[in-house]
Amino acid sequence: ETLAVAVGSRSHLVSTDAVVERAWYRNITMHVFHFLVDLLCVKGIRDTQCGFKLFTRAAAQRLFTGLHIERWAFDVELLFLCQHHGIAVREENVTWHEVDGSHLSLFGSSLQMLKDLVRIRLMYLSGVWS
């Protein structure tokens, strides 16, 4: 069976009202996070955090059994593993609207996600995780 993953992407909405109307600090946080993800873990995927992900059975069995991150950055680890194992990933544009009530603690969650990005990078590169 083919190993493949499709991920939803909201990156085509960056210059639309959906993002422009957000608080300036949320947009800065988003751009910094995307830069760090691309620098440390996952190259070429514009939106790692969109919840829309579709896996072939073989890809899901290979990827989900070895996850270590259990917080918001688990998506980054999944996509890191796809690239690490040579599993094809296709990004598809999705329609998205921000929903009230879905909030993170900006400071606390940002620090945790930064720690998780560094953990992903270091643990896999050092061979502690495989």
N, C-alpha and C. Protein backbone atom coordinates (compact mmCIF):
# COMPACT_ATOMS: atom_id res chain seq x y z
N GLU A 1 0.84 -1.19 0.00
CA GLU A 1 0.00 0.00 0.00
C GLU A 1 0.89 1.25 0.00
N THR A 2 0.42 2.27 -0.70
CA THR A 2 1.16 3.52 -0.82
C THR A 2 1.14 4.29 0.50
N LEU A 3 2.28 4.85 0.83
CA LEU A 3 2.37 5.73 1.99
C LEU A 3 2.18 7.16 1.49
N ALA A 4 1.13 7.82 1.99
CA ALA A 4 0.88 9.19 1.55
C ALA A 4 0.04 9.93 2.57
N VAL A 5 0.20 11.26 2.58
CA VAL A 5 -0.51 12.13 3.51
C VAL A 5 -0.97 13.37 2.75
N ALA A 6 -2.21 13.79 3.02
CA ALA A 6 -2.72 15.06 2.51
C ALA A 6 -3.00 15.95 3.72
N VAL A 7 -2.58 17.20 3.65
CA VAL A 7 -2.82 18.14 4.75
C VAL A 7 -3.55 19.36 4.22
N GLY A 8 -4.51 19.83 5.01
CA GLY A 8 -5.20 21.06 4.67
C GLY A 8 -4.29 22.24 4.93
N SER A 9 -4.45 23.27 4.13
CA SER A 9 -3.61 24.46 4.28
C SER A 9 -4.47 25.72 4.22
N ARG A 10 -4.22 26.60 5.19
CA ARG A 10 -4.90 27.89 5.21
C ARG A 10 -3.96 28.99 4.73
N SER A 11 -2.80 28.63 4.22
CA SER A 11 -1.78 29.62 3.86
C SER A 11 -2.25 30.56 2.76
N HIS A 12 -3.16 30.11 1.91
CA HIS A 12 -3.67 30.99 0.85
C HIS A 12 -4.54 32.12 1.40
N LEU A 13 -4.88 32.04 2.69
CA LEU A 13 -5.73 33.05 3.33
C LEU A 13 -4.94 34.14 4.04
N VAL A 14 -3.61 34.08 4.01
CA VAL A 14 -2.78 34.98 4.82
C VAL A 14 -3.09 36.45 4.55
N SER A 15 -3.36 36.82 3.33
CA SER A 15 -3.61 38.24 3.05
C SER A 15 -5.10 38.57 3.01
N THR A 16 -5.94 37.68 3.50
CA THR A 16 -7.38 37.94 3.51
C THR A 16 -7.81 38.47 4.87
N ASP A 17 -9.08 38.84 4.98
CA ASP A 17 -9.63 39.36 6.22
C ASP A 17 -9.52 38.35 7.37
N ALA A 18 -9.51 37.05 7.06
CA ALA A 18 -9.43 36.03 8.12
C ALA A 18 -8.20 36.22 8.98
N VAL A 19 -7.10 36.62 8.37
CA VAL A 19 -5.85 36.81 9.11
C VAL A 19 -5.60 38.28 9.40
N VAL A 20 -5.91 39.13 8.45
CA VAL A 20 -5.63 40.55 8.61
C VAL A 20 -6.36 41.12 9.83
N GLU A 21 -7.56 40.64 10.13
CA GLU A 21 -8.34 41.17 11.24
C GLU A 21 -7.91 40.66 12.61
N ARG A 22 -7.01 39.70 12.66
CA ARG A 22 -6.52 39.22 13.96
C ARG A 22 -5.63 40.25 14.60
N ALA A 23 -5.45 40.08 15.92
CA ALA A 23 -4.56 40.98 16.65
C ALA A 23 -3.14 40.88 16.05
N TRP A 24 -2.43 42.01 16.02
CA TRP A 24 -1.10 42.07 15.41
C TRP A 24 -0.14 41.06 16.04
N TYR A 25 -0.25 40.87 17.36
CA TYR A 25 0.69 39.95 18.02
C TYR A 25 0.42 38.50 17.63
N ARG A 26 -0.81 38.16 17.29
CA ARG A 26 -1.10 36.80 16.82
C ARG A 26 -0.47 36.57 15.45
N ASN A 27 -0.51 37.57 14.60
CA ASN A 27 0.11 37.44 13.28
C ASN A 27 1.62 37.34 13.38
N ILE A 28 2.23 38.13 14.26
CA ILE A 28 3.68 38.04 14.46
C ILE A 28 4.04 36.66 14.98
N THR A 29 3.30 36.18 15.97
CA THR A 29 3.54 34.83 16.52
C THR A 29 3.43 33.78 15.43
N MET A 30 2.42 33.90 14.56
CA MET A 30 2.23 32.94 13.47
C MET A 30 3.44 32.93 12.53
N HIS A 31 3.93 34.11 12.15
CA HIS A 31 5.06 34.17 11.22
C HIS A 31 6.35 33.65 11.86
N VAL A 32 6.58 33.95 13.12
CA VAL A 32 7.76 33.44 13.82
C VAL A 32 7.69 31.92 13.92
N PHE A 33 6.51 31.39 14.28
CA PHE A 33 6.35 29.94 14.38
C PHE A 33 6.62 29.28 13.04
N HIS A 34 6.05 29.80 11.96
CA HIS A 34 6.27 29.20 10.63
C HIS A 34 7.75 29.23 10.26
N PHE A 35 8.43 30.32 10.57
CA PHE A 35 9.87 30.42 10.30
C PHE A 35 10.63 29.34 11.07
N LEU A 36 10.32 29.18 12.37
CA LEU A 36 11.03 28.20 13.20
C LEU A 36 10.73 26.77 12.76
N VAL A 37 9.50 26.49 12.39
CA VAL A 37 9.16 25.15 11.90
C VAL A 37 9.97 24.84 10.66
N ASP A 38 10.02 25.79 9.72
CA ASP A 38 10.77 25.57 8.48
C ASP A 38 12.27 25.44 8.75
N LEU A 39 12.78 26.23 9.68
CA LEU A 39 14.20 26.20 10.01
C LEU A 39 14.60 24.91 10.72
N LEU A 40 13.79 24.47 11.67
CA LEU A 40 14.18 23.36 12.55
C LEU A 40 13.65 21.99 12.15
N CYS A 41 12.45 21.94 11.56
CA CYS A 41 11.80 20.63 11.47
C CYS A 41 11.25 20.24 10.10
N VAL A 42 10.41 21.06 9.52
CA VAL A 42 9.65 20.66 8.33
C VAL A 42 9.85 21.70 7.23
N LYS A 43 10.42 21.27 6.14
CA LYS A 43 10.67 22.17 5.01
C LYS A 43 9.50 22.12 4.02
N GLY A 44 9.09 23.30 3.58
CA GLY A 44 8.18 23.38 2.44
C GLY A 44 6.70 23.21 2.72
N ILE A 45 6.30 22.93 3.93
CA ILE A 45 4.87 22.84 4.27
C ILE A 45 4.48 24.19 4.86
N ARG A 46 3.55 24.87 4.23
CA ARG A 46 3.22 26.24 4.64
C ARG A 46 2.32 26.31 5.86
N ASP A 47 1.53 25.25 6.12
CA ASP A 47 0.61 25.28 7.26
C ASP A 47 0.62 23.92 7.94
N THR A 48 1.47 23.78 8.96
CA THR A 48 1.57 22.51 9.67
C THR A 48 0.47 22.33 10.70
N GLN A 49 -0.17 23.42 11.12
CA GLN A 49 -1.09 23.36 12.25
C GLN A 49 -2.56 23.22 11.88
N CYS A 50 -2.88 23.25 10.61
CA CYS A 50 -4.27 23.05 10.21
C CYS A 50 -4.69 21.64 10.60
N GLY A 51 -5.86 21.51 11.16
CA GLY A 51 -6.31 20.22 11.67
C GLY A 51 -6.74 19.22 10.62
N PHE A 52 -6.83 19.63 9.37
CA PHE A 52 -7.26 18.73 8.31
C PHE A 52 -6.06 17.91 7.82
N LYS A 53 -6.06 16.62 8.17
CA LYS A 53 -4.99 15.73 7.71
C LYS A 53 -5.61 14.40 7.34
N LEU A 54 -5.16 13.82 6.24
CA LEU A 54 -5.69 12.55 5.76
C LEU A 54 -4.50 11.64 5.46
N PHE A 55 -4.56 10.42 5.99
CA PHE A 55 -3.45 9.47 5.87
C PHE A 55 -3.93 8.19 5.20
N THR A 56 -3.08 7.60 4.36
CA THR A 56 -3.38 6.24 3.94
C THR A 56 -3.18 5.36 5.17
N ARG A 57 -3.78 4.19 5.16
CA ARG A 57 -3.66 3.28 6.30
C ARG A 57 -2.20 2.96 6.60
N ALA A 58 -1.43 2.69 5.56
CA ALA A 58 -0.01 2.35 5.75
C ALA A 58 0.76 3.52 6.36
N ALA A 59 0.48 4.74 5.89
CA ALA A 59 1.17 5.90 6.44
C ALA A 59 0.79 6.11 7.91
N ALA A 60 -0.49 5.98 8.24
CA ALA A 60 -0.94 6.16 9.63
C ALA A 60 -0.28 5.14 10.54
N GLN A 61 -0.22 3.88 10.11
CA GLN A 61 0.39 2.85 10.94
C GLN A 61 1.87 3.12 11.16
N ARG A 62 2.54 3.61 10.16
CA ARG A 62 3.96 3.89 10.28
C ARG A 62 4.23 5.12 11.16
N LEU A 63 3.39 6.15 11.02
CA LEU A 63 3.65 7.42 11.69
C LEU A 63 3.15 7.47 13.13
N PHE A 64 1.95 7.05 13.38
CA PHE A 64 1.34 7.26 14.69
C PHE A 64 1.91 6.37 15.78
N THR A 65 2.51 5.27 15.41
CA THR A 65 3.07 4.37 16.42
C THR A 65 4.35 4.91 17.04
N GLY A 66 4.99 5.88 16.38
CA GLY A 66 6.26 6.37 16.89
C GLY A 66 6.26 7.80 17.40
N LEU A 67 5.08 8.38 17.60
CA LEU A 67 5.03 9.78 18.04
C LEU A 67 5.48 9.95 19.48
N HIS A 68 6.12 11.07 19.75
CA HIS A 68 6.58 11.39 21.11
C HIS A 68 5.94 12.66 21.66
N ILE A 69 5.61 13.60 20.78
CA ILE A 69 5.02 14.88 21.20
C ILE A 69 3.51 14.71 21.36
N GLU A 70 2.99 15.13 22.49
CA GLU A 70 1.56 14.96 22.77
C GLU A 70 0.82 16.29 22.88
N ARG A 71 1.47 17.37 22.54
CA ARG A 71 0.85 18.69 22.66
C ARG A 71 0.63 19.28 21.26
N TRP A 72 0.49 20.60 21.19
CA TRP A 72 0.15 21.28 19.94
C TRP A 72 1.15 21.01 18.82
N ALA A 73 2.37 20.71 19.12
CA ALA A 73 3.37 20.53 18.07
C ALA A 73 3.42 19.10 17.54
N PHE A 74 2.47 18.25 17.92
CA PHE A 74 2.50 16.88 17.41
C PHE A 74 2.35 16.86 15.89
N ASP A 75 1.64 17.85 15.31
CA ASP A 75 1.50 17.94 13.86
C ASP A 75 2.87 18.11 13.20
N VAL A 76 3.71 18.91 13.83
CA VAL A 76 5.06 19.13 13.30
C VAL A 76 5.85 17.83 13.33
N GLU A 77 5.74 17.08 14.42
CA GLU A 77 6.44 15.80 14.48
C GLU A 77 5.94 14.85 13.40
N LEU A 78 4.62 14.80 13.19
CA LEU A 78 4.07 13.94 12.14
C LEU A 78 4.66 14.28 10.78
N LEU A 79 4.69 15.57 10.46
CA LEU A 79 5.21 15.98 9.16
C LEU A 79 6.72 15.83 9.08
N PHE A 80 7.41 16.01 10.19
CA PHE A 80 8.85 15.73 10.24
C PHE A 80 9.09 14.26 9.90
N LEU A 81 8.31 13.38 10.50
CA LEU A 81 8.46 11.94 10.24
C LEU A 81 8.14 11.61 8.78
N CYS A 82 7.15 12.28 8.20
CA CYS A 82 6.86 12.06 6.77
C CYS A 82 8.10 12.37 5.94
N GLN A 83 8.71 13.52 6.18
CA GLN A 83 9.89 13.88 5.42
C GLN A 83 11.06 12.95 5.73
N HIS A 84 11.20 12.56 6.99
CA HIS A 84 12.27 11.67 7.42
C HIS A 84 12.16 10.30 6.73
N HIS A 85 10.93 9.79 6.58
CA HIS A 85 10.70 8.46 5.99
C HIS A 85 10.40 8.53 4.49
N GLY A 86 10.43 9.72 3.91
CA GLY A 86 10.16 9.84 2.48
C GLY A 86 8.71 9.63 2.09
N ILE A 87 7.80 9.90 3.00
CA ILE A 87 6.37 9.75 2.74
C ILE A 87 5.86 11.02 2.05
N ALA A 88 5.19 10.84 0.93
CA ALA A 88 4.70 11.98 0.16
C ALA A 88 3.65 12.75 0.96
N VAL A 89 3.79 14.08 0.94
CA VAL A 89 2.83 14.97 1.59
C VAL A 89 2.34 15.97 0.56
N ARG A 90 1.02 16.09 0.47
CA ARG A 90 0.43 17.06 -0.45
C ARG A 90 -0.41 18.05 0.35
N GLU A 91 -0.16 19.32 0.12
CA GLU A 91 -0.91 20.39 0.78
C GLU A 91 -2.07 20.82 -0.11
N GLU A 92 -3.26 20.88 0.47
CA GLU A 92 -4.45 21.29 -0.27
C GLU A 92 -5.08 22.49 0.42
N ASN A 93 -5.43 23.51 -0.34
CA ASN A 93 -6.08 24.68 0.23
C ASN A 93 -7.45 24.31 0.78
N VAL A 94 -7.77 24.82 1.97
CA VAL A 94 -9.08 24.60 2.57
C VAL A 94 -9.69 25.95 2.94
N THR A 95 -11.02 25.98 2.96
CA THR A 95 -11.73 27.16 3.43
C THR A 95 -11.75 27.12 4.94
N TRP A 96 -11.49 28.24 5.56
CA TRP A 96 -11.36 28.28 7.01
C TRP A 96 -11.92 29.57 7.54
N HIS A 97 -12.60 29.48 8.67
CA HIS A 97 -13.11 30.66 9.37
C HIS A 97 -12.72 30.51 10.82
N GLU A 98 -12.22 31.58 11.40
CA GLU A 98 -11.83 31.55 12.81
C GLU A 98 -13.07 31.41 13.68
N VAL A 99 -13.00 30.55 14.69
CA VAL A 99 -14.13 30.29 15.57
C VAL A 99 -13.79 30.77 16.96
N ASP A 100 -14.69 31.54 17.55
CA ASP A 100 -14.49 31.98 18.93
C ASP A 100 -14.43 30.78 19.86
N GLY A 101 -13.62 30.89 20.89
CA GLY A 101 -13.53 29.82 21.89
C GLY A 101 -12.35 28.90 21.70
N SER A 102 -11.68 28.97 20.56
CA SER A 102 -10.51 28.13 20.31
C SER A 102 -9.26 28.98 20.54
N HIS A 103 -8.81 29.04 21.79
CA HIS A 103 -7.69 29.92 22.12
C HIS A 103 -6.60 29.18 22.87
N LEU A 104 -5.40 29.61 22.65
CA LEU A 104 -4.23 29.13 23.38
C LEU A 104 -3.75 30.24 24.30
N SER A 105 -3.06 29.87 25.32
CA SER A 105 -2.33 30.86 26.10
C SER A 105 -1.14 31.27 25.24
N LEU A 106 -1.16 32.49 24.75
CA LEU A 106 -0.15 32.90 23.78
C LEU A 106 1.26 32.71 24.30
N PHE A 107 1.53 33.18 25.51
CA PHE A 107 2.89 33.08 26.06
C PHE A 107 3.24 31.64 26.41
N GLY A 108 2.41 30.99 27.21
CA GLY A 108 2.71 29.63 27.67
C GLY A 108 2.76 28.63 26.53
N SER A 109 1.79 28.70 25.63
CA SER A 109 1.77 27.76 24.51
C SER A 109 2.92 28.01 23.54
N SER A 110 3.27 29.28 23.35
CA SER A 110 4.39 29.59 22.46
C SER A 110 5.69 29.03 22.99
N LEU A 111 5.93 29.17 24.29
CA LEU A 111 7.14 28.60 24.89
C LEU A 111 7.15 27.08 24.77
N GLN A 112 6.00 26.44 25.04
CA GLN A 112 5.93 24.98 24.95
C GLN A 112 6.17 24.51 23.53
N MET A 113 5.60 25.20 22.56
CA MET A 113 5.80 24.80 21.17
C MET A 113 7.25 24.99 20.74
N LEU A 114 7.88 26.07 21.20
CA LEU A 114 9.30 26.26 20.91
C LEU A 114 10.13 25.12 21.49
N LYS A 115 9.85 24.76 22.75
CA LYS A 115 10.57 23.64 23.36
C LYS A 115 10.34 22.35 22.58
N ASP A 116 9.10 22.12 22.13
CA ASP A 116 8.80 20.91 21.37
C ASP A 116 9.50 20.90 20.02
N LEU A 117 9.59 22.04 19.35
CA LEU A 117 10.31 22.10 18.06
C LEU A 117 11.78 21.75 18.26
N VAL A 118 12.38 22.29 19.29
CA VAL A 118 13.78 22.00 19.58
C VAL A 118 13.94 20.52 19.95
N ARG A 119 13.01 19.98 20.75
CA ARG A 119 13.07 18.55 21.10
C ARG A 119 12.99 17.68 19.87
N ILE A 120 12.07 17.98 18.97
CA ILE A 120 11.93 17.18 17.75
C ILE A 120 13.26 17.18 17.00
N ARG A 121 13.79 18.35 16.78
CA ARG A 121 15.04 18.48 16.02
C ARG A 121 16.19 17.72 16.68
N LEU A 122 16.40 17.97 17.97
CA LEU A 122 17.53 17.36 18.66
C LEU A 122 17.38 15.86 18.86
N MET A 123 16.21 15.42 19.24
CA MET A 123 16.03 13.99 19.55
C MET A 123 16.13 13.11 18.30
N TYR A 124 15.62 13.57 17.17
CA TYR A 124 15.74 12.78 15.97
C TYR A 124 17.14 12.86 15.37
N LEU A 125 17.74 14.05 15.38
CA LEU A 125 19.08 14.18 14.83
C LEU A 125 20.12 13.44 15.65
N SER A 126 19.91 13.35 16.96
CA SER A 126 20.86 12.64 17.81
C SER A 126 20.64 11.13 17.80
N GLY A 127 19.51 10.69 17.22
CA GLY A 127 19.21 9.27 17.16
C GLY A 127 18.51 8.73 18.40
N VAL A 128 18.19 9.59 19.37
CA VAL A 128 17.45 9.14 20.56
C VAL A 128 16.06 8.68 20.14
N TRP A 129 15.43 9.42 19.23
CA TRP A 129 14.15 9.01 18.64
C TRP A 129 14.44 8.60 17.21
N SER A 130 13.67 7.63 16.71
CA SER A 130 13.88 7.21 15.31
C SER A 130 12.57 7.12 14.56
